[in-house]
Amino acid sequence: MAFKLVISEGEKSHQVEVESVESKKLIGLIIGEEFDASLVGLAGYKLKITGGSDKNGFPMKKDVDGQRRIKSLLAGGIGFNPKRDGQRRRKTVRGNTVSNDIVQINTIVTQKGEKDISAILESEE
């Protein structure tokens, strides 16, 4: 399964398609873990997973363990934005572990490499 990897660097963000060979190395990682970005062709960079969404659009939530999908009572935060004070709603969210059902992984840059990300991605195309 291929992932869309969204890399946020300050105000800029870049989207990279990860092929199925490299995507197998990302399976099993948990939200908050760092990994070497050389998997996706960004030498010298380290990325930290901040979230993602599955094939049906349900968001990953850090405090739900595993790869499962559950219906949770939410009062705000990821997965639900209440319109008034005290509002709660039961919403479906995905666990914090990257699995085959995940389509998009959101990351931030924690360690920069020598070249700029946009220069590296433009040279690949």
Protein backbone atom coordinates (compact mmCIF):
# COMPACT_ATOMS: atom_id res chain seq x y z
CA MET A 1 0.00 0.00 0.00
CA ALA A 2 1.32 3.45 -0.92
CA PHE A 3 1.11 6.39 1.48
CA LYS A 4 0.83 10.11 0.97
CA LEU A 5 3.40 11.65 3.26
CA VAL A 6 2.69 15.29 4.17
CA ILE A 7 5.85 17.03 5.40
CA SER A 8 5.36 20.31 7.28
CA GLU A 9 8.29 22.67 7.58
CA GLY A 10 7.21 25.86 9.30
CA GLU A 11 4.64 27.54 7.06
CA LYS A 12 5.42 25.34 4.04
CA SER A 13 4.21 21.81 3.50
CA HIS A 14 5.13 19.26 0.87
CA GLN A 15 3.35 16.11 -0.23
CA VAL A 16 5.31 13.02 -1.24
CA GLU A 17 4.06 9.68 -2.56
CA VAL A 18 5.74 6.77 -0.78
CA GLU A 19 5.98 3.60 -2.86
CA SER A 20 4.95 0.22 -1.47
CA VAL A 21 8.55 -0.94 -0.84
CA GLU A 22 9.38 2.03 1.41
CA SER A 23 5.91 2.07 2.98
CA LYS A 24 6.51 -1.31 4.62
CA LYS A 25 9.27 0.30 6.70
CA LEU A 26 6.75 2.84 8.07
CA ILE A 27 4.16 0.23 9.14
CA GLY A 28 4.18 -0.21 12.91
CA LEU A 29 5.40 3.30 13.74
CA ILE A 30 3.40 5.22 16.35
CA ILE A 31 2.39 8.89 16.48
CA GLY A 32 5.27 10.81 18.08
CA GLU A 33 8.03 8.54 16.78
CA GLU A 34 10.82 9.90 14.59
CA PHE A 35 12.22 8.18 11.51
CA ASP A 36 14.96 8.82 8.98
CA ALA A 37 13.59 10.56 5.88
CA SER A 38 16.12 8.91 3.58
CA LEU A 39 13.34 6.33 3.00
CA VAL A 40 11.58 8.93 0.85
CA GLY A 41 14.70 10.47 -0.68
CA LEU A 42 15.34 13.27 1.83
CA ALA A 43 18.91 12.62 2.92
CA GLY A 44 19.88 14.12 6.27
CA TYR A 45 16.30 14.85 7.37
CA LYS A 46 14.44 13.35 10.33
CA LEU A 47 10.65 13.41 10.44
CA LYS A 48 8.25 13.05 13.38
CA ILE A 49 4.78 11.53 12.86
CA THR A 50 2.03 13.87 14.09
CA GLY A 51 -1.06 12.09 12.76
CA GLY A 52 -2.80 10.87 9.65
CA SER A 53 -6.01 9.42 8.29
CA ASP A 54 -7.22 6.06 7.05
CA LYS A 55 -8.82 4.97 3.76
CA ASN A 56 -12.27 6.11 4.94
CA GLY A 57 -11.07 9.52 6.17
CA PHE A 58 -11.08 8.80 9.90
CA PRO A 59 -8.26 10.62 11.74
CA MET A 60 -5.56 8.93 13.80
CA LYS A 61 -5.71 9.80 17.51
CA LYS A 62 -2.66 9.63 19.75
CA ASP A 63 -4.39 8.25 22.85
CA VAL A 64 -6.05 5.28 21.08
CA ASP A 65 -3.60 2.35 21.16
CA GLY A 66 -3.04 0.01 18.23
CA GLN A 67 -4.37 -0.10 14.68
CA ARG A 68 -8.03 -0.41 15.59
CA ARG A 69 -10.90 1.91 14.75
CA ILE A 70 -13.24 2.82 17.62
CA LYS A 71 -16.19 5.07 18.35
CA SER A 72 -15.14 7.42 21.11
CA LEU A 73 -17.03 10.12 23.03
CA LEU A 74 -15.18 13.33 22.15
CA ALA A 75 -15.51 16.79 23.67
CA GLY A 76 -13.02 18.44 21.30
CA GLY A 77 -9.59 17.99 19.82
CA ILE A 78 -8.76 15.72 16.92
CA GLY A 79 -11.85 14.35 15.18
CA PHE A 80 -14.45 16.78 16.57
CA ASN A 81 -14.81 20.57 16.83
CA PRO A 82 -17.69 21.42 19.22
CA LYS A 83 -19.94 24.35 18.30
CA ARG A 84 -20.86 25.25 21.89
CA ASP A 85 -19.46 24.74 25.39
CA GLY A 86 -19.99 21.30 26.89
CA GLN A 87 -20.97 19.65 23.61
CA ARG A 88 -19.84 16.04 23.20
CA ARG A 89 -20.31 13.64 20.35
CA ARG A 90 -19.50 10.01 19.63
CA LYS A 91 -17.13 9.95 16.65
CA THR A 92 -15.09 7.25 14.94
CA VAL A 93 -11.29 7.58 15.19
CA ARG A 94 -8.34 5.40 14.20
CA GLY A 95 -5.59 4.16 16.55
CA ASN A 96 -2.12 5.67 16.83
CA THR A 97 -0.21 2.97 14.89
CA VAL A 98 0.50 3.15 11.15
CA SER A 99 -1.06 0.16 9.36
CA ASN A 100 -2.06 -0.90 5.85
CA ASP A 101 -5.37 0.97 6.22
CA ILE A 102 -3.64 4.35 6.62
CA VAL A 103 -3.58 6.49 3.46
CA GLN A 104 -2.07 9.78 4.67
CA ILE A 105 0.66 10.35 7.25
CA ASN A 106 1.29 13.85 8.60
CA THR A 107 4.84 14.68 9.69
CA ILE A 108 6.98 17.60 10.79
CA VAL A 109 10.70 18.17 10.24
CA THR A 110 12.77 17.71 13.42
CA GLN A 111 16.24 17.71 11.85
CA LYS A 112 17.17 19.46 8.61
CA GLY A 113 19.55 18.18 5.98
CA GLU A 114 22.03 20.09 3.84
CA LYS A 115 19.64 20.86 0.97
CA ASP A 116 16.20 22.47 1.09
CA ILE A 117 13.24 20.07 0.78
CA SER A 118 11.69 21.91 -2.18
CA ALA A 119 15.01 21.72 -4.08
CA ILE A 120 15.28 17.98 -3.46
CA LEU A 121 11.68 17.28 -4.52
CA GLU A 122 11.97 19.42 -7.68
CA SER A 123 15.13 17.61 -8.76
CA GLU A 124 13.33 14.24 -8.49
CA GLU A 125 10.62 15.36 -10.91
